[in-house]
Amino acid sequence: MTPKIYAQRTRRLIILVACTLTALSCTGNQNLRDTELHIQSRAHPDAPTPAGFDHGSYSVEGKSAITVLLTEGPPHAPRRALIVRMFWRPKAAATPLDETATNSTVQYIVFGESPDGPAGKPTVGVYSGGGFLYPENEVGSQNLQANLWQATMSLADKNAGFHDTLGPSILTGRFSARRDDEGIVEAIRQVNIAVSEALGVPRFVRAE
């Protein structure tokens, strides 16, 4: 093989690899947007509220425990955030599904603006509860797809000016998140900072 032909084949291989990586990257971004979560207020059961997010990441602890962070907006300045921690993974055809089944905790955080709120600070409300999380694919995969079922929540904390429009509510639906064991630690720290600054006191919002 002449040096010229070798160089041509090398360039073609590089282009092929680059195109493949680009395609995979685009596919991953599409998976992150594959989220269909809804919040249904028990006070207004006929009006479920969509809960879409544009950033999603998760980490794996041990064999099956996971922590998920979904945000609308960047983690350092989110408009909304959802933190889910699954403690054990259900087994197909072996784990019963009923209204009392739970294997995860949830915390849903809503930021906003109100003329009644603290000067220069956003309003914030933190909803906490628990539900049942069922991963659709293997825990530890690059992109996780999972279903959240019957996650009951209620307002646990808020600052002045925050108006609770949900009350006791139920979060359910499907979401996707990309694995990022190291990045999620910093992302949750940023959410914690945003919540603590809005409340005026430290508050640890990682779901435990």
C-alpha atoms as a PDB file:
ATOM      1  CA  MET A   1       0.000   0.000   0.000  1.00  0.00           C
ATOM      2  CA  THR A   2       1.437   3.357  -1.038  1.00  0.00           C
ATOM      3  CA  PRO A   3       1.704   6.211   1.479  1.00  0.00           C
ATOM      4  CA  LYS A   4      -0.876   8.192  -0.525  1.00  0.00           C
ATOM      5  CA  ILE A   5      -3.491   5.416  -0.446  1.00  0.00           C
ATOM      6  CA  TYR A   6      -2.793   4.798   3.253  1.00  0.00           C
ATOM      7  CA  ALA A   7      -3.310   8.489   4.023  1.00  0.00           C
ATOM      8  CA  GLN A   8      -6.591   8.531   2.069  1.00  0.00           C
ATOM      9  CA  ARG A   9      -7.913   5.484   3.932  1.00  0.00           C
ATOM     10  CA  THR A  10      -6.843   6.978   7.258  1.00  0.00           C
ATOM     11  CA  ARG A  11      -8.732  10.204   6.500  1.00  0.00           C
ATOM     12  CA  ARG A  12     -11.825   8.217   5.526  1.00  0.00           C
ATOM     13  CA  LEU A  13     -11.635   6.223   8.767  1.00  0.00           C
ATOM     14  CA  ILE A  14     -11.325   9.413  10.816  1.00  0.00           C
ATOM     15  CA  ILE A  15     -14.349  10.928   9.063  1.00  0.00           C
ATOM     16  CA  LEU A  16     -16.368   7.735   9.609  1.00  0.00           C
ATOM     17  CA  VAL A  17     -15.539   7.641  13.317  1.00  0.00           C
ATOM     18  CA  ALA A  18     -16.359  11.338  13.711  1.00  0.00           C
ATOM     19  CA  CYS A  19     -19.729  10.897  11.995  1.00  0.00           C
ATOM     20  CA  THR A  20     -20.528   7.886  14.181  1.00  0.00           C
ATOM     21  CA  LEU A  21     -19.694   9.775  17.380  1.00  0.00           C
ATOM     22  CA  THR A  22     -21.789  12.723  16.239  1.00  0.00           C
ATOM     23  CA  ALA A  23     -24.747  10.466  15.575  1.00  0.00           C
ATOM     24  CA  LEU A  24     -24.414   8.842  18.979  1.00  0.00           C
ATOM     25  CA  SER A  25     -24.190  12.242  20.635  1.00  0.00           C
ATOM     26  CA  CYS A  26     -27.348  13.422  18.914  1.00  0.00           C
ATOM     27  CA  THR A  27     -29.141  10.261  19.959  1.00  0.00           C
ATOM     28  CA  GLY A  28     -28.138  10.861  23.566  1.00  0.00           C
ATOM     29  CA  ASN A  29     -29.494  14.407  23.474  1.00  0.00           C
ATOM     30  CA  GLN A  30     -32.800  13.136  22.141  1.00  0.00           C
ATOM     31  CA  ASN A  31     -33.003  10.629  24.995  1.00  0.00           C
ATOM     32  CA  LEU A  32     -32.532  13.423  27.551  1.00  0.00           C
ATOM     33  CA  ARG A  33     -35.618  15.157  26.163  1.00  0.00           C
ATOM     34  CA  ASP A  34     -37.686  11.984  26.351  1.00  0.00           C
ATOM     35  CA  THR A  35     -39.513  13.071  29.486  1.00  0.00           C
ATOM     36  CA  GLU A  36     -43.255  12.885  30.087  1.00  0.00           C
ATOM     37  CA  LEU A  37     -43.796  13.670  33.752  1.00  0.00           C
ATOM     38  CA  HIS A  38     -47.043  15.105  35.111  1.00  0.00           C
ATOM     39  CA  ILE A  39     -48.039  16.505  38.486  1.00  0.00           C
ATOM     40  CA  GLN A  40     -51.644  16.003  39.509  1.00  0.00           C
ATOM     41  CA  SER A  41     -52.921  18.119  42.378  1.00  0.00           C
ATOM     42  CA  ARG A  42     -55.271  16.255  44.695  1.00  0.00           C
ATOM     43  CA  ALA A  43     -57.188  19.488  45.122  1.00  0.00           C
ATOM     44  CA  HIS A  44     -57.605  19.764  41.330  1.00  0.00           C
ATOM     45  CA  PRO A  45     -57.406  16.167  40.039  1.00  0.00           C
ATOM     46  CA  ASP A  46     -58.756  17.001  36.578  1.00  0.00           C
ATOM     47  CA  ALA A  47     -55.928  19.379  35.701  1.00  0.00           C
ATOM     48  CA  PRO A  48     -52.550  17.575  35.609  1.00  0.00           C
ATOM     49  CA  THR A  49     -49.564  19.870  35.070  1.00  0.00           C
ATOM     50  CA  PRO A  50     -46.761  18.868  32.658  1.00  0.00           C
ATOM     51  CA  ALA A  51     -43.353  18.735  34.328  1.00  0.00           C
ATOM     52  CA  GLY A  52     -40.842  18.833  31.495  1.00  0.00           C
ATOM     53  CA  PHE A  53     -37.115  19.201  32.135  1.00  0.00           C
ATOM     54  CA  ASP A  54     -34.239  20.036  29.797  1.00  0.00           C
ATOM     55  CA  HIS A  55     -31.290  18.667  31.835  1.00  0.00           C
ATOM     56  CA  GLY A  56     -31.059  15.175  33.302  1.00  0.00           C
ATOM     57  CA  SER A  57     -28.276  13.213  34.986  1.00  0.00           C
ATOM     58  CA  TYR A  58     -27.959  10.300  37.372  1.00  0.00           C
ATOM     59  CA  SER A  59     -25.395   8.414  39.411  1.00  0.00           C
ATOM     60  CA  VAL A  60     -25.150   4.850  40.674  1.00  0.00           C
ATOM     61  CA  GLU A  61     -24.293   3.904  44.251  1.00  0.00           C
ATOM     62  CA  GLY A  62     -23.633   0.277  45.078  1.00  0.00           C
ATOM     63  CA  LYS A  63     -25.431  -2.384  43.062  1.00  0.00           C
ATOM     64  CA  SER A  64     -28.746  -0.694  42.329  1.00  0.00           C
ATOM     65  CA  ALA A  65     -29.208   2.547  44.299  1.00  0.00           C
ATOM     66  CA  ILE A  66     -29.349   5.612  42.064  1.00  0.00           C
ATOM     67  CA  THR A  67     -29.723   9.373  42.414  1.00  0.00           C
ATOM     68  CA  VAL A  68     -31.403  11.334  39.614  1.00  0.00           C
ATOM     69  CA  LEU A  69     -31.397  15.093  39.047  1.00  0.00           C
ATOM     70  CA  LEU A  70     -33.685  16.713  36.486  1.00  0.00           C
ATOM     71  CA  THR A  71     -33.706  20.487  36.041  1.00  0.00           C
ATOM     72  CA  GLU A  72     -35.457  23.066  33.947  1.00  0.00           C
ATOM     73  CA  GLY A  73     -32.681  25.528  33.280  1.00  0.00           C
ATOM     74  CA  PRO A  74     -29.060  25.083  34.398  1.00  0.00           C
ATOM     75  CA  PRO A  75     -28.421  23.564  37.865  1.00  0.00           C
ATOM     76  CA  HIS A  76     -26.806  26.784  39.164  1.00  0.00           C
ATOM     77  CA  ALA A  77     -29.941  28.790  38.275  1.00  0.00           C
ATOM     78  CA  PRO A  78     -32.832  26.345  37.815  1.00  0.00           C
ATOM     79  CA  ARG A  79     -36.465  27.287  37.428  1.00  0.00           C
ATOM     80  CA  ARG A  80     -37.496  23.847  38.644  1.00  0.00           C
ATOM     81  CA  ALA A  81     -35.619  20.772  39.848  1.00  0.00           C
ATOM     82  CA  LEU A  82     -36.505  17.185  40.687  1.00  0.00           C
ATOM     83  CA  ILE A  83     -34.270  14.935  42.774  1.00  0.00           C
ATOM     84  CA  VAL A  84     -35.141  11.239  42.963  1.00  0.00           C
ATOM     85  CA  ARG A  85     -33.272   8.596  44.934  1.00  0.00           C
ATOM     86  CA  MET A  86     -34.034   4.924  44.318  1.00  0.00           C
ATOM     87  CA  PHE A  87     -32.906   2.618  47.130  1.00  0.00           C
ATOM     88  CA  TRP A  88     -33.546  -0.756  45.503  1.00  0.00           C
ATOM     89  CA  ARG A  89     -34.451  -1.927  42.024  1.00  0.00           C
ATOM     90  CA  PRO A  90     -37.726  -3.847  41.546  1.00  0.00           C
ATOM     91  CA  LYS A  91     -37.617  -7.229  39.825  1.00  0.00           C
ATOM     92  CA  ALA A  92     -39.923  -7.967  36.921  1.00  0.00           C
ATOM     93  CA  ALA A  93     -42.795 -10.302  37.819  1.00  0.00           C
ATOM     94  CA  ALA A  94     -41.506 -10.467  41.401  1.00  0.00           C
ATOM     95  CA  THR A  95     -42.207  -7.029  42.888  1.00  0.00           C
ATOM     96  CA  PRO A  96     -45.890  -6.268  43.514  1.00  0.00           C
ATOM     97  CA  LEU A  97     -47.211  -2.916  42.261  1.00  0.00           C
ATOM     98  CA  ASP A  98     -49.878  -1.298  44.396  1.00  0.00           C
ATOM     99  CA  GLU A  99     -50.667   2.133  45.777  1.00  0.00           C
ATOM    100  CA  THR A 100     -48.482   1.557  48.838  1.00  0.00           C
ATOM    101  CA  ALA A 101     -45.427   0.313  46.912  1.00  0.00           C
ATOM    102  CA  THR A 102     -42.401   2.588  47.235  1.00  0.00           C
ATOM    103  CA  ASN A 103     -38.689   2.287  46.555  1.00  0.00           C
ATOM    104  CA  SER A 104     -37.699   5.915  46.128  1.00  0.00           C
ATOM    105  CA  THR A 105     -37.901   9.395  47.602  1.00  0.00           C
ATOM    106  CA  VAL A 106     -38.587  12.552  45.609  1.00  0.00           C
ATOM    107  CA  GLN A 107     -38.029  16.250  46.103  1.00  0.00           C
ATOM    108  CA  TYR A 108     -39.564  18.719  43.664  1.00  0.00           C
ATOM    109  CA  ILE A 109     -38.274  22.292  43.860  1.00  0.00           C
ATOM    110  CA  VAL A 110     -40.001  25.270  42.256  1.00  0.00           C
ATOM    111  CA  PHE A 111     -38.391  28.697  41.900  1.00  0.00           C
ATOM    112  CA  GLY A 112     -40.321  31.812  40.944  1.00  0.00           C
ATOM    113  CA  GLU A 113     -40.723  35.529  41.352  1.00  0.00           C
ATOM    114  CA  SER A 114     -43.300  37.316  43.453  1.00  0.00           C
ATOM    115  CA  PRO A 115     -43.744  40.934  44.543  1.00  0.00           C
ATOM    116  CA  ASP A 116     -44.393  39.538  48.026  1.00  0.00           C
ATOM    117  CA  GLY A 117     -41.083  37.662  48.119  1.00  0.00           C
ATOM    118  CA  PRO A 118     -37.785  38.736  49.702  1.00  0.00           C
ATOM    119  CA  ALA A 119     -36.153  41.668  47.902  1.00  0.00           C
ATOM    120  CA  GLY A 120     -33.668  40.478  45.314  1.00  0.00           C
ATOM    121  CA  LYS A 121     -34.406  36.804  45.968  1.00  0.00           C
ATOM    122  CA  PRO A 122     -36.534  34.319  44.045  1.00  0.00           C
ATOM    123  CA  THR A 123     -39.381  32.554  45.768  1.00  0.00           C
ATOM    124  CA  VAL A 124     -38.914  28.835  46.338  1.00  0.00           C
ATOM    125  CA  GLY A 125     -41.056  25.906  47.370  1.00  0.00           C
ATOM    126  CA  VAL A 126     -39.748  22.426  48.186  1.00  0.00           C
ATOM    127  CA  TYR A 127     -42.139  19.485  47.840  1.00  0.00           C
ATOM    128  CA  SER A 128     -41.121  16.137  49.346  1.00  0.00           C
ATOM    129  CA  GLY A 129     -42.493  12.622  49.217  1.00  0.00           C
ATOM    130  CA  GLY A 130     -41.959   9.118  47.917  1.00  0.00           C
ATOM    131  CA  GLY A 131     -43.036   6.813  45.131  1.00  0.00           C
ATOM    132  CA  PHE A 132     -42.143   3.836  42.986  1.00  0.00           C
ATOM    133  CA  LEU A 133     -39.360   4.070  40.386  1.00  0.00           C
ATOM    134  CA  TYR A 134     -39.000   1.372  37.745  1.00  0.00           C
ATOM    135  CA  PRO A 135     -35.961   1.539  35.410  1.00  0.00           C
ATOM    136  CA  GLU A 136     -36.754   0.404  31.862  1.00  0.00           C
ATOM    137  CA  ASN A 137     -33.158  -0.472  31.040  1.00  0.00           C
ATOM    138  CA  GLU A 138     -30.034  -1.560  32.892  1.00  0.00           C
ATOM    139  CA  VAL A 139     -28.977   0.593  35.844  1.00  0.00           C
ATOM    140  CA  GLY A 140     -25.511   1.886  34.960  1.00  0.00           C
ATOM    141  CA  SER A 141     -26.298   2.444  31.287  1.00  0.00           C
ATOM    142  CA  GLN A 142     -25.114   5.662  29.671  1.00  0.00           C
ATOM    143  CA  ASN A 143     -28.731   6.797  29.289  1.00  0.00           C
ATOM    144  CA  LEU A 144     -31.297   5.661  31.834  1.00  0.00           C
ATOM    145  CA  GLN A 145     -34.991   5.439  30.976  1.00  0.00           C
ATOM    146  CA  ALA A 146     -37.305   5.008  33.941  1.00  0.00           C
ATOM    147  CA  ASN A 147     -40.928   5.270  35.027  1.00  0.00           C
ATOM    148  CA  LEU A 148     -42.017   7.052  38.186  1.00  0.00           C
ATOM    149  CA  TRP A 149     -45.310   5.769  39.566  1.00  0.00           C
ATOM    150  CA  GLN A 150     -47.615   7.296  42.177  1.00  0.00           C
ATOM    151  CA  ALA A 151     -45.040   9.575  43.823  1.00  0.00           C
ATOM    152  CA  THR A 152     -47.025  11.467  46.464  1.00  0.00           C
ATOM    153  CA  MET A 153     -45.716  14.906  47.435  1.00  0.00           C
ATOM    154  CA  SER A 154     -46.612  17.785  49.721  1.00  0.00           C
ATOM    155  CA  LEU A 155     -45.046  21.159  50.448  1.00  0.00           C
ATOM    156  CA  ALA A 156     -42.218  20.737  52.969  1.00  0.00           C
ATOM    157  CA  ASP A 157     -40.590  24.179  52.927  1.00  0.00           C
ATOM    158  CA  LYS A 158     -40.993  27.613  51.327  1.00  0.00           C
ATOM    159  CA  ASN A 159     -39.961  31.222  51.693  1.00  0.00           C
ATOM    160  CA  ALA A 160     -42.087  34.350  51.915  1.00  0.00           C
ATOM    161  CA  GLY A 161     -44.085  35.067  48.789  1.00  0.00           C
ATOM    162  CA  PHE A 162     -44.225  31.503  47.481  1.00  0.00           C
ATOM    163  CA  HIS A 163     -47.781  30.502  46.607  1.00  0.00           C
ATOM    164  CA  ASP A 164     -48.545  26.796  46.826  1.00  0.00           C
ATOM    165  CA  THR A 165     -50.750  26.099  43.806  1.00  0.00           C
ATOM    166  CA  LEU A 166     -50.418  22.307  44.052  1.00  0.00           C
ATOM    167  CA  GLY A 167     -51.026  21.252  47.630  1.00  0.00           C
ATOM    168  CA  PRO A 168     -50.782  17.488  48.174  1.00  0.00           C
ATOM    169  CA  SER A 169     -50.114  16.065  44.730  1.00  0.00           C
ATOM    170  CA  ILE A 170     -48.991  13.042  42.725  1.00  0.00           C
ATOM    171  CA  LEU A 171     -46.020  12.938  40.350  1.00  0.00           C
ATOM    172  CA  THR A 172     -46.015  10.262  37.676  1.00  0.00           C
ATOM    173  CA  GLY A 173     -44.604   9.567  34.217  1.00  0.00           C
ATOM    174  CA  ARG A 174     -41.455   8.680  32.330  1.00  0.00           C
ATOM    175  CA  PHE A 175     -38.048  10.364  32.158  1.00  0.00           C
ATOM    176  CA  SER A 176     -34.531   9.931  30.815  1.00  0.00           C
ATOM    177  CA  ALA A 177     -31.197  10.883  32.394  1.00  0.00           C
ATOM    178  CA  ARG A 178     -27.564  10.543  31.355  1.00  0.00           C
ATOM    179  CA  ARG A 179     -25.088   8.901  33.709  1.00  0.00           C
ATOM    180  CA  ASP A 180     -22.658  11.352  35.289  1.00  0.00           C
ATOM    181  CA  ASP A 181     -21.435  10.055  38.646  1.00  0.00           C
ATOM    182  CA  GLU A 182     -19.084  12.980  39.275  1.00  0.00           C
ATOM    183  CA  GLY A 183     -20.998  15.822  37.656  1.00  0.00           C
ATOM    184  CA  ILE A 184     -24.231  15.178  39.535  1.00  0.00           C
ATOM    185  CA  VAL A 185     -22.532  15.862  42.861  1.00  0.00           C
ATOM    186  CA  GLU A 186     -21.643  19.389  41.787  1.00  0.00           C
ATOM    187  CA  ALA A 187     -25.028  19.871  40.099  1.00  0.00           C
ATOM    188  CA  ILE A 188     -26.926  18.972  43.297  1.00  0.00           C
ATOM    189  CA  ARG A 189     -24.594  21.241  45.256  1.00  0.00           C
ATOM    190  CA  GLN A 190     -25.556  24.101  42.941  1.00  0.00           C
ATOM    191  CA  VAL A 191     -29.261  23.364  43.475  1.00  0.00           C
ATOM    192  CA  ASN A 192     -28.663  23.325  47.240  1.00  0.00           C
ATOM    193  CA  ILE A 193     -26.981  26.719  47.038  1.00  0.00           C
ATOM    194  CA  ALA A 194     -29.895  28.160  45.044  1.00  0.00           C
ATOM    195  CA  VAL A 195     -32.444  26.808  47.552  1.00  0.00           C
ATOM    196  CA  SER A 196     -30.464  27.952  50.597  1.00  0.00           C
ATOM    197  CA  GLU A 197     -29.969  31.451  49.180  1.00  0.00           C
ATOM    198  CA  ALA A 198     -33.685  31.781  48.427  1.00  0.00           C
ATOM    199  CA  LEU A 199     -34.715  30.506  51.878  1.00  0.00           C
ATOM    200  CA  GLY A 200     -32.058  32.509  53.673  1.00  0.00           C
ATOM    201  CA  VAL A 201     -30.983  29.439  55.657  1.00  0.00           C
ATOM    202  CA  PRO A 202     -29.027  26.314  54.708  1.00  0.00           C
ATOM    203  CA  ARG A 203     -31.174  23.461  53.428  1.00  0.00           C
ATOM    204  CA  PHE A 204     -29.956  20.121  52.120  1.00  0.00           C
ATOM    205  CA  VAL A 205     -32.342  19.024  49.374  1.00  0.00           C
ATOM    206  CA  ARG A 206     -30.747  15.824  48.164  1.00  0.00           C
ATOM    207  CA  ALA A 207     -33.397  13.136  48.466  1.00  0.00           C
ATOM    208  CA  GLU A 208     -32.436  10.601  51.127  1.00  0.00           C
END
